[in-house]
């Protein structure tokens, strides 16, 4: 559990220590009950105010390599069932007007209620749409609702969009003790297959902080990652190394979100050494053979791989220096947000680079080389990170 301290309005003090989750399935549907202690009932919209809410995130496809928890990643879509307390209030009968929020508000005039339009329902509807453009365009943020749950899909931060089909149901229940051990929200949704299982349950809104344990510190104090070559039969199996490397960078970013910059820097060093080792394998073993013997297209030219490697090395040097300087920064939040923005750009570069390798470098070498050559090449690669 972490604080929501990156987006305004920020939560700088933890308000919830834990969320209790129960789940049950019949093989075709799955239901979740989420409960947490909360003395207040935050179900009224307003400036700089978070609505109580929760969400359950599931991968769109069943795969042993689950998507990143921050709303998935490119090529690994996640489906999100999102409940909000204000939507629950509207479903239970709270009026969808300004007086429901500000009881003493006095409205002089709404264009759709003008006297000349009283006998013309079509003109009234057109005027209402003209002066409520978001609703006219299908915005789901406000207005009458039949369900307090919304279905969303995403492939990473800033990609959240409505899902094509609404499959989730849910309800939040208020107890006499406020939100004290509230039964919130029993989200029920269809599973994609009988084998589908939740990858992570994510609670949104009032998110508490979870500190790093000593076990975490010990685990990350001596990083020794490796993908065993005996599990690899073809060059394309080197994509397994990418997954190991990507997981290290995710752990680094998670440490950043906890403001644990020492851990974040250590993880970034481990990521860098593992990545650089993999790059060296490609530049010293794979690319010379590819460049000399392969009939590659322009989109898979060797120079593109070398250029990408150089850019990635440059970015990592900048990231490391920024983290070293973090403690002395007077505007820490601003610097951290800038770093995360730069890292998002870097991850897009890595994604394009990985796709180029998956589309050209690895499969072309697999088609070109005999089995003995592939085995000899895989025996030479170094698939481990250095210790830090």
Protein backbone atom coordinates (compact mmCIF):
# COMPACT_ATOMS: atom_id res chain seq x y z
CA UNK A 1 0.00 0.00 0.00
CA UNK A 2 1.40 3.40 -0.92
CA UNK A 3 0.50 7.03 -0.52
CA UNK A 4 -1.13 8.92 -3.38
CA UNK A 5 1.37 11.77 -3.27
CA UNK A 6 2.03 12.35 -6.97
CA UNK A 7 -1.21 13.93 -8.21
CA UNK A 8 -3.13 16.87 -6.74
CA UNK A 9 -4.78 16.72 -4.28
CA UNK A 10 -1.90 14.79 -2.72
CA UNK A 11 -2.25 12.61 0.35
CA UNK A 12 0.87 13.22 2.42
CA UNK A 13 -0.24 11.41 5.58
CA UNK A 14 -1.42 7.78 5.50
CA UNK A 15 -5.09 7.38 6.40
CA UNK A 16 -5.58 3.64 5.87
CA UNK A 17 -3.33 0.95 7.24
CA UNK A 18 -4.78 -2.03 5.41
CA UNK A 19 -7.45 -3.26 3.02
CA UNK A 20 -8.97 -6.69 3.60
CA UNK A 21 -9.84 -8.56 0.42
CA UNK A 22 -11.96 -11.66 -0.06
CA UNK A 23 -12.71 -13.29 -3.40
CA UNK A 24 -14.96 -16.10 -4.58
CA UNK A 25 -15.54 -17.56 -8.03
CA UNK A 26 -17.82 -20.10 -9.71
CA UNK A 27 -15.47 -20.52 -12.66
CA UNK A 28 -17.21 -18.03 -14.93
CA UNK A 29 -17.60 -15.03 -12.59
CA UNK A 30 -15.47 -13.69 -9.77
CA UNK A 31 -16.58 -11.47 -6.88
CA UNK A 32 -14.42 -9.39 -4.54
CA UNK A 33 -15.23 -7.88 -1.17
CA UNK A 34 -12.94 -5.02 -0.17
CA UNK A 35 -13.13 -3.67 3.41
CA UNK A 36 -11.20 -0.91 5.16
CA UNK A 37 -11.53 1.40 8.15
CA UNK A 38 -12.49 4.97 7.33
CA UNK A 39 -14.11 7.42 9.75
CA UNK A 40 -15.37 9.75 7.03
CA UNK A 41 -17.73 9.31 4.13
CA UNK A 42 -16.24 11.07 1.11
CA UNK A 43 -18.94 10.86 -1.53
CA UNK A 44 -19.41 14.53 -2.47
CA UNK A 45 -17.49 15.96 -5.44
CA UNK A 46 -15.57 19.20 -5.02
CA UNK A 47 -12.30 20.95 -5.84
CA UNK A 48 -9.13 19.36 -4.39
CA UNK A 49 -11.18 16.53 -2.91
CA UNK A 50 -10.84 12.78 -3.43
CA UNK A 51 -13.93 10.62 -3.61
CA UNK A 52 -13.78 7.30 -1.73
CA UNK A 53 -13.30 4.56 -4.27
CA UNK A 54 -11.69 1.26 -5.07
CA UNK A 55 -10.73 -0.76 -8.12
CA UNK A 56 -9.85 -4.30 -9.07
CA UNK A 57 -7.36 -4.78 -11.91
CA UNK A 58 -7.12 -7.99 -13.95
CA UNK A 59 -4.96 -8.89 -16.96
CA UNK A 60 -6.83 -9.15 -20.25
CA UNK A 61 -4.91 -12.31 -21.13
CA UNK A 62 -3.81 -15.22 -18.99
CA UNK A 63 -0.01 -15.18 -18.99
CA UNK A 64 2.63 -16.10 -16.41
CA UNK A 65 4.24 -12.68 -16.93
CA UNK A 66 1.64 -10.34 -15.50
CA UNK A 67 1.36 -6.71 -16.65
CA UNK A 68 2.87 -3.89 -14.62
CA UNK A 69 0.58 -2.84 -11.73
CA UNK A 70 0.54 0.81 -12.86
CA UNK A 71 -2.38 0.24 -15.23
CA UNK A 72 -0.59 -2.36 -17.35
CA UNK A 73 1.90 -1.75 -20.14
CA UNK A 74 2.13 -1.65 -23.93
CA UNK A 75 0.97 -4.97 -25.32
CA UNK A 76 -0.27 -6.13 -21.91
CA UNK A 77 -3.75 -4.70 -21.48
CA UNK A 78 -5.43 -4.69 -18.10
CA UNK A 79 -9.15 -4.49 -17.34
CA UNK A 80 -10.22 -2.39 -14.37
CA UNK A 81 -13.50 -2.45 -12.44
CA UNK A 82 -13.78 0.96 -10.74
CA UNK A 83 -16.24 1.85 -7.94
CA UNK A 84 -16.83 5.35 -6.52
CA UNK A 85 -18.81 6.49 -3.50
CA UNK A 86 -20.42 9.44 -5.31
CA UNK A 87 -21.73 7.13 -8.02
CA UNK A 88 -23.14 4.90 -5.28
CA UNK A 89 -24.97 7.89 -3.80
CA UNK A 90 -26.47 8.78 -7.19
CA UNK A 91 -27.59 5.19 -7.79
CA UNK A 92 -29.23 5.21 -4.36
CA UNK A 93 -31.24 8.32 -5.18
CA UNK A 94 -29.17 11.45 -4.62
CA UNK A 95 -30.28 14.06 -7.14
CA UNK A 96 -27.97 14.87 -10.03
CA UNK A 97 -28.01 18.64 -9.60
CA UNK A 98 -26.11 21.48 -7.99
CA UNK A 99 -28.43 21.64 -4.98
CA UNK A 100 -27.45 18.10 -3.97
CA UNK A 101 -23.91 19.39 -3.48
CA UNK A 102 -24.69 22.94 -2.35
CA UNK A 103 -28.18 22.91 -0.77
CA UNK A 104 -28.34 26.71 -0.45
CA UNK A 105 -27.40 27.40 -4.06
CA UNK A 106 -29.86 29.50 -6.02
CA UNK A 107 -30.11 28.96 -9.77
CA UNK A 108 -31.37 31.94 -11.73
CA UNK A 109 -31.69 30.28 -15.09
CA UNK A 110 -30.83 27.19 -17.13
CA UNK A 111 -30.99 27.69 -20.93
CA UNK A 112 -32.92 24.43 -21.40
CA UNK A 113 -35.61 25.70 -19.02
CA UNK A 114 -36.22 28.95 -20.87
CA UNK A 115 -39.92 29.79 -21.21
CA UNK A 116 -39.98 29.76 -25.06
CA UNK A 117 -38.83 26.12 -25.00
CA UNK A 118 -41.40 24.83 -22.50
CA UNK A 119 -43.58 23.22 -25.17
CA UNK A 120 -40.72 21.93 -27.30
CA UNK A 121 -39.00 18.88 -25.69
CA UNK A 122 -36.62 18.46 -28.64
CA UNK A 123 -35.41 22.04 -28.35
CA UNK A 124 -35.00 21.60 -24.60
CA UNK A 125 -32.84 18.51 -25.14
CA UNK A 126 -30.71 20.31 -27.73
CA UNK A 127 -30.19 23.28 -25.39
CA UNK A 128 -29.27 20.99 -22.50
CA UNK A 129 -26.66 19.25 -24.67
CA UNK A 130 -25.33 22.56 -25.98
CA UNK A 131 -24.60 23.82 -22.47
CA UNK A 132 -23.34 20.49 -21.13
CA UNK A 133 -20.78 19.53 -23.80
CA UNK A 134 -19.02 16.83 -21.76
CA UNK A 135 -22.27 14.97 -21.18
CA UNK A 136 -23.26 15.45 -24.81
CA UNK A 137 -20.02 13.76 -25.86
CA UNK A 138 -20.71 10.78 -23.62
CA UNK A 139 -18.61 11.64 -20.57
CA UNK A 140 -19.14 9.13 -17.78
CA UNK A 141 -17.85 11.33 -14.96
CA UNK A 142 -21.27 12.65 -13.95
CA UNK A 143 -24.96 12.36 -14.63
CA UNK A 144 -27.56 9.67 -13.87
CA UNK A 145 -26.15 6.18 -13.40
CA UNK A 146 -27.57 2.67 -13.19
CA UNK A 147 -24.38 1.17 -11.75
CA UNK A 148 -21.78 2.64 -9.34
CA UNK A 149 -19.07 0.62 -11.14
CA UNK A 150 -17.33 1.46 -14.39
CA UNK A 151 -15.32 -0.85 -16.66
CA UNK A 152 -12.04 0.54 -17.97
CA UNK A 153 -9.03 -0.70 -19.93
CA UNK A 154 -5.44 0.52 -20.01
CA UNK A 155 -1.98 -0.24 -21.39
CA UNK A 156 0.01 1.89 -18.97
CA UNK A 157 -0.30 5.31 -17.27
CA UNK A 158 -2.21 7.97 -19.22
CA UNK A 159 -3.93 5.34 -21.43
CA UNK A 160 -7.04 4.73 -19.31
CA UNK A 161 -10.21 4.58 -21.42
CA UNK A 162 -13.73 3.11 -21.20
CA UNK A 163 -13.96 -0.61 -21.88
CA UNK A 164 -16.04 -1.62 -24.92
CA UNK A 165 -18.33 -3.76 -22.75
CA UNK A 166 -19.75 -3.17 -19.26
CA UNK A 167 -19.43 -6.47 -17.38
CA UNK A 168 -18.94 -5.42 -13.76
CA UNK A 169 -21.48 -4.89 -10.98
CA UNK A 170 -20.88 -3.60 -7.51
CA UNK A 171 -22.18 -1.92 -4.39
CA UNK A 172 -20.65 -0.02 -1.49
CA UNK A 173 -22.33 -0.40 1.90
CA UNK A 174 -22.01 2.18 4.68
CA UNK A 175 -21.95 0.89 8.28
CA UNK A 176 -23.10 2.77 11.40
CA UNK A 177 -19.45 3.52 12.24
CA UNK A 178 -18.94 5.60 9.13
CA UNK A 179 -16.70 3.69 6.79
CA UNK A 180 -15.51 1.64 9.77
CA UNK A 181 -15.03 -1.81 8.29
CA UNK A 182 -17.20 -0.94 5.35
CA UNK A 183 -18.28 -3.67 2.95
CA UNK A 184 -16.94 -1.94 -0.11
CA UNK A 185 -17.32 -2.89 -2.92
CA UNK A 186 -18.49 -6.34 -3.85
CA UNK A 187 -17.31 -6.11 -7.44
CA UNK A 188 -18.50 -8.97 -9.61
CA UNK A 189 -17.21 -9.45 -13.13
CA UNK A 190 -16.98 -12.11 -15.80
CA UNK A 191 -13.72 -13.97 -16.12
CA UNK A 192 -12.05 -14.19 -19.51
CA UNK A 193 -11.48 -17.91 -19.11
CA UNK A 194 -11.85 -20.58 -16.48
CA UNK A 195 -8.11 -20.30 -15.82
CA UNK A 196 -8.07 -16.53 -15.31
CA UNK A 197 -6.98 -15.29 -11.90
CA UNK A 198 -6.49 -11.77 -10.54
CA UNK A 199 -2.97 -10.44 -11.04
CA UNK A 200 -3.29 -7.73 -8.43
CA UNK A 201 -6.02 -6.04 -6.43
CA UNK A 202 -5.52 -2.29 -6.39
CA UNK A 203 -7.37 0.15 -4.12
CA UNK A 204 -7.64 3.71 -5.32
CA UNK A 205 -8.50 6.92 -3.50
CA UNK A 206 -7.07 6.95 0.03
CA UNK A 207 -3.96 4.86 -0.34
CA UNK A 208 -1.77 4.20 2.70
CA UNK A 209 2.00 3.86 2.82
CA UNK A 210 3.71 0.53 3.27
CA UNK A 211 7.35 0.74 4.33
CA UNK A 212 10.06 -1.48 2.94
CA UNK A 213 10.86 -4.43 5.17
CA UNK A 214 14.30 -5.69 6.15
CA UNK A 215 13.60 -8.71 3.99
CA UNK A 216 13.22 -6.38 0.99
CA UNK A 217 16.49 -4.66 1.81
CA UNK A 218 18.38 -7.93 2.14
CA UNK A 219 16.91 -9.22 -1.08
CA UNK A 220 17.98 -6.12 -2.97
CA UNK A 221 21.36 -5.78 -1.31
CA UNK A 222 22.80 -8.63 -3.37
CA UNK A 223 21.16 -8.79 -6.76
CA UNK A 224 22.07 -11.87 -8.76
CA UNK A 225 19.57 -12.30 -11.56
CA UNK A 226 19.98 -14.98 -14.17
CA UNK A 227 18.00 -16.81 -16.79
CA UNK A 228 19.33 -20.31 -17.23
CA UNK A 229 20.63 -21.13 -20.69
CA UNK A 230 19.41 -24.71 -20.44
CA UNK A 231 15.87 -23.29 -20.68
CA UNK A 232 16.75 -21.66 -23.99
CA UNK A 233 16.65 -23.49 -27.30
CA UNK A 234 16.38 -20.59 -29.75
CA UNK A 235 17.68 -17.03 -29.93
CA UNK A 236 14.16 -15.67 -29.44
CA UNK A 237 14.23 -17.14 -25.93
CA UNK A 238 16.45 -14.19 -25.02
CA UNK A 239 13.21 -12.25 -24.64
CA UNK A 240 13.09 -13.94 -21.22
CA UNK A 241 16.04 -11.77 -20.23
CA UNK A 242 14.01 -8.67 -21.11
CA UNK A 243 11.30 -9.71 -18.66
CA UNK A 244 13.85 -10.10 -15.85
CA UNK A 245 15.37 -6.70 -16.65
CA UNK A 246 11.95 -5.03 -16.87
CA UNK A 247 11.00 -6.36 -13.44
CA UNK A 248 14.12 -4.75 -11.94
CA UNK A 249 13.17 -1.37 -13.36
CA UNK A 250 9.65 -1.76 -11.99
CA UNK A 251 11.06 -2.42 -8.51
CA UNK A 252 13.24 0.68 -8.91
CA UNK A 253 10.21 2.82 -9.74
CA UNK A 254 8.24 1.36 -6.85
CA UNK A 255 11.06 2.43 -4.51
CA UNK A 256 10.87 5.94 -5.99
CA UNK A 257 7.15 6.07 -5.22
CA UNK A 258 7.97 5.21 -1.61
CA UNK A 259 10.55 8.03 -1.50
CA UNK A 260 13.19 5.40 -0.70
CA UNK A 261 15.87 6.93 -2.91
CA UNK A 262 18.73 4.83 -1.58
CA UNK A 263 16.87 1.65 -2.51
CA UNK A 264 15.80 3.15 -5.83
CA UNK A 265 19.41 3.97 -6.70
CA UNK A 266 20.61 0.49 -5.70
CA UNK A 267 17.94 -1.11 -7.84
CA UNK A 268 18.79 1.18 -10.75
CA UNK A 269 22.44 0.14 -10.45
CA UNK A 270 21.40 -3.51 -10.52
CA UNK A 271 19.13 -2.86 -13.49
CA UNK A 272 21.92 -1.01 -15.30
CA UNK A 273 24.53 -3.74 -14.79
CA UNK A 274 22.10 -6.44 -15.92
CA UNK A 275 21.01 -4.42 -18.95
CA UNK A 276 24.57 -3.51 -19.91
CA UNK A 277 25.60 -7.15 -19.68
CA UNK A 278 22.74 -8.06 -22.02
CA UNK A 279 23.68 -5.23 -24.39
CA UNK A 280 27.27 -6.44 -24.44
CA UNK A 281 26.06 -9.94 -25.36
CA UNK A 282 24.12 -8.48 -28.27
CA UNK A 283 26.90 -6.17 -29.45
CA UNK A 284 29.73 -8.72 -29.13
CA UNK A 285 27.96 -11.98 -30.03
CA UNK A 286 24.65 -11.52 -31.83
CA UNK A 287 24.97 -8.32 -33.87
CA UNK A 288 28.30 -9.14 -35.58
CA UNK A 289 26.79 -12.36 -36.96
CA UNK A 290 23.53 -10.60 -37.83
CA UNK A 291 25.32 -7.77 -39.61
CA UNK A 292 27.60 -10.10 -41.58
CA UNK A 293 25.21 -12.87 -42.60
CA UNK A 294 21.60 -11.72 -42.29
CA UNK A 295 19.40 -10.21 -44.99
CA UNK A 296 17.77 -7.62 -42.77
CA UNK A 297 15.25 -4.89 -43.70
CA UNK A 298 15.91 -1.19 -43.14
CA UNK A 299 13.70 -1.26 -40.02
CA UNK A 300 16.01 -3.91 -38.56
CA UNK A 301 19.36 -2.37 -39.52
CA UNK A 302 22.19 -3.06 -37.00
CA UNK A 303 22.87 0.65 -36.56
CA UNK A 304 19.43 1.09 -35.00
CA UNK A 305 20.28 -1.36 -32.22
CA UNK A 306 23.62 0.30 -31.48
CA UNK A 307 21.96 3.75 -31.48
CA UNK A 308 19.23 2.57 -29.10
CA UNK A 309 21.84 1.14 -26.73
CA UNK A 310 23.71 4.46 -26.69
CA UNK A 311 20.52 6.39 -25.92
CA UNK A 312 19.59 3.99 -23.13
CA UNK A 313 23.04 4.31 -21.53
CA UNK A 314 22.76 8.11 -21.64
CA UNK A 315 19.31 8.11 -20.03
CA UNK A 316 20.42 5.86 -17.19
CA UNK A 317 23.37 8.10 -16.37
CA UNK A 318 20.99 11.06 -16.07
CA UNK A 319 18.55 9.09 -13.89
CA UNK A 320 21.30 8.03 -11.48
CA UNK A 321 22.62 11.56 -11.08
CA UNK A 322 19.11 12.92 -10.47
CA UNK A 323 18.49 10.36 -7.70
CA UNK A 324 21.85 11.14 -6.06
CA UNK A 325 20.84 14.82 -5.89
CA UNK A 326 17.32 14.13 -4.59
CA UNK A 327 17.97 14.67 -0.88
CA UNK A 328 19.25 18.22 -1.42
CA UNK A 329 16.41 19.27 -3.72
CA UNK A 330 14.18 22.01 -2.23
CA UNK A 331 11.25 21.00 -4.48
CA UNK A 332 11.43 17.25 -4.13
CA UNK A 333 7.95 16.51 -5.48
CA UNK A 334 8.58 18.48 -8.65
CA UNK A 335 11.94 16.79 -9.29
CA UNK A 336 10.46 13.34 -8.68
CA UNK A 337 7.62 13.98 -11.11
CA UNK A 338 10.10 15.18 -13.73
CA UNK A 339 12.19 12.06 -13.20
CA UNK A 340 9.16 9.79 -13.59
CA UNK A 341 8.19 11.63 -16.79
CA UNK A 342 11.68 11.09 -18.19
CA UNK A 343 11.59 7.46 -17.16
CA UNK A 344 8.24 7.06 -18.94
CA UNK A 345 9.86 8.36 -22.13
CA UNK A 346 12.79 5.99 -21.56
CA UNK A 347 10.43 3.03 -21.17
CA UNK A 348 8.80 3.88 -24.49
CA UNK A 349 12.27 3.83 -26.08
CA UNK A 350 12.92 0.43 -24.48
CA UNK A 351 9.57 -0.88 -25.69
CA UNK A 352 10.30 0.11 -29.30
CA UNK A 353 13.78 -1.41 -29.02
CA UNK A 354 12.40 -4.68 -27.61
CA UNK A 355 9.82 -4.84 -30.37
CA UNK A 356 12.53 -4.37 -33.01
CA UNK A 357 14.52 -7.23 -31.52
CA UNK A 358 11.45 -9.47 -31.32
CA UNK A 359 10.47 -8.66 -34.91
CA UNK A 360 13.87 -8.76 -36.62
CA UNK A 361 17.09 -9.55 -34.73
CA UNK A 362 16.05 -12.67 -32.84
CA UNK A 363 13.76 -14.39 -35.40
CA UNK A 364 16.12 -13.64 -38.31
CA UNK A 365 19.01 -15.24 -36.41
CA UNK A 366 16.81 -18.21 -35.53
CA UNK A 367 16.00 -18.74 -39.21
CA UNK A 368 19.60 -18.20 -40.28
CA UNK A 369 21.56 -20.34 -37.80
CA UNK A 370 21.80 -24.07 -37.46
CA UNK A 371 20.86 -25.59 -34.12
CA UNK A 372 24.51 -26.12 -33.21
CA UNK A 373 25.28 -22.45 -33.88
CA UNK A 374 22.35 -21.33 -31.75
CA UNK A 375 23.47 -23.55 -28.89
CA UNK A 376 27.04 -22.25 -29.09
CA UNK A 377 25.83 -18.64 -29.18
CA UNK A 378 23.53 -19.09 -26.19
CA UNK A 379 26.35 -20.74 -24.24
CA UNK A 380 28.43 -17.58 -24.62
CA UNK A 381 25.88 -15.05 -23.39
CA UNK A 382 26.07 -13.74 -19.80
CA UNK A 383 22.58 -13.75 -18.31
CA UNK A 384 23.20 -12.48 -14.81
CA UNK A 385 23.43 -9.18 -12.99
CA UNK A 386 26.41 -8.08 -10.98
CA UNK A 387 26.21 -7.84 -7.20
CA UNK A 388 25.51 -4.49 -5.53
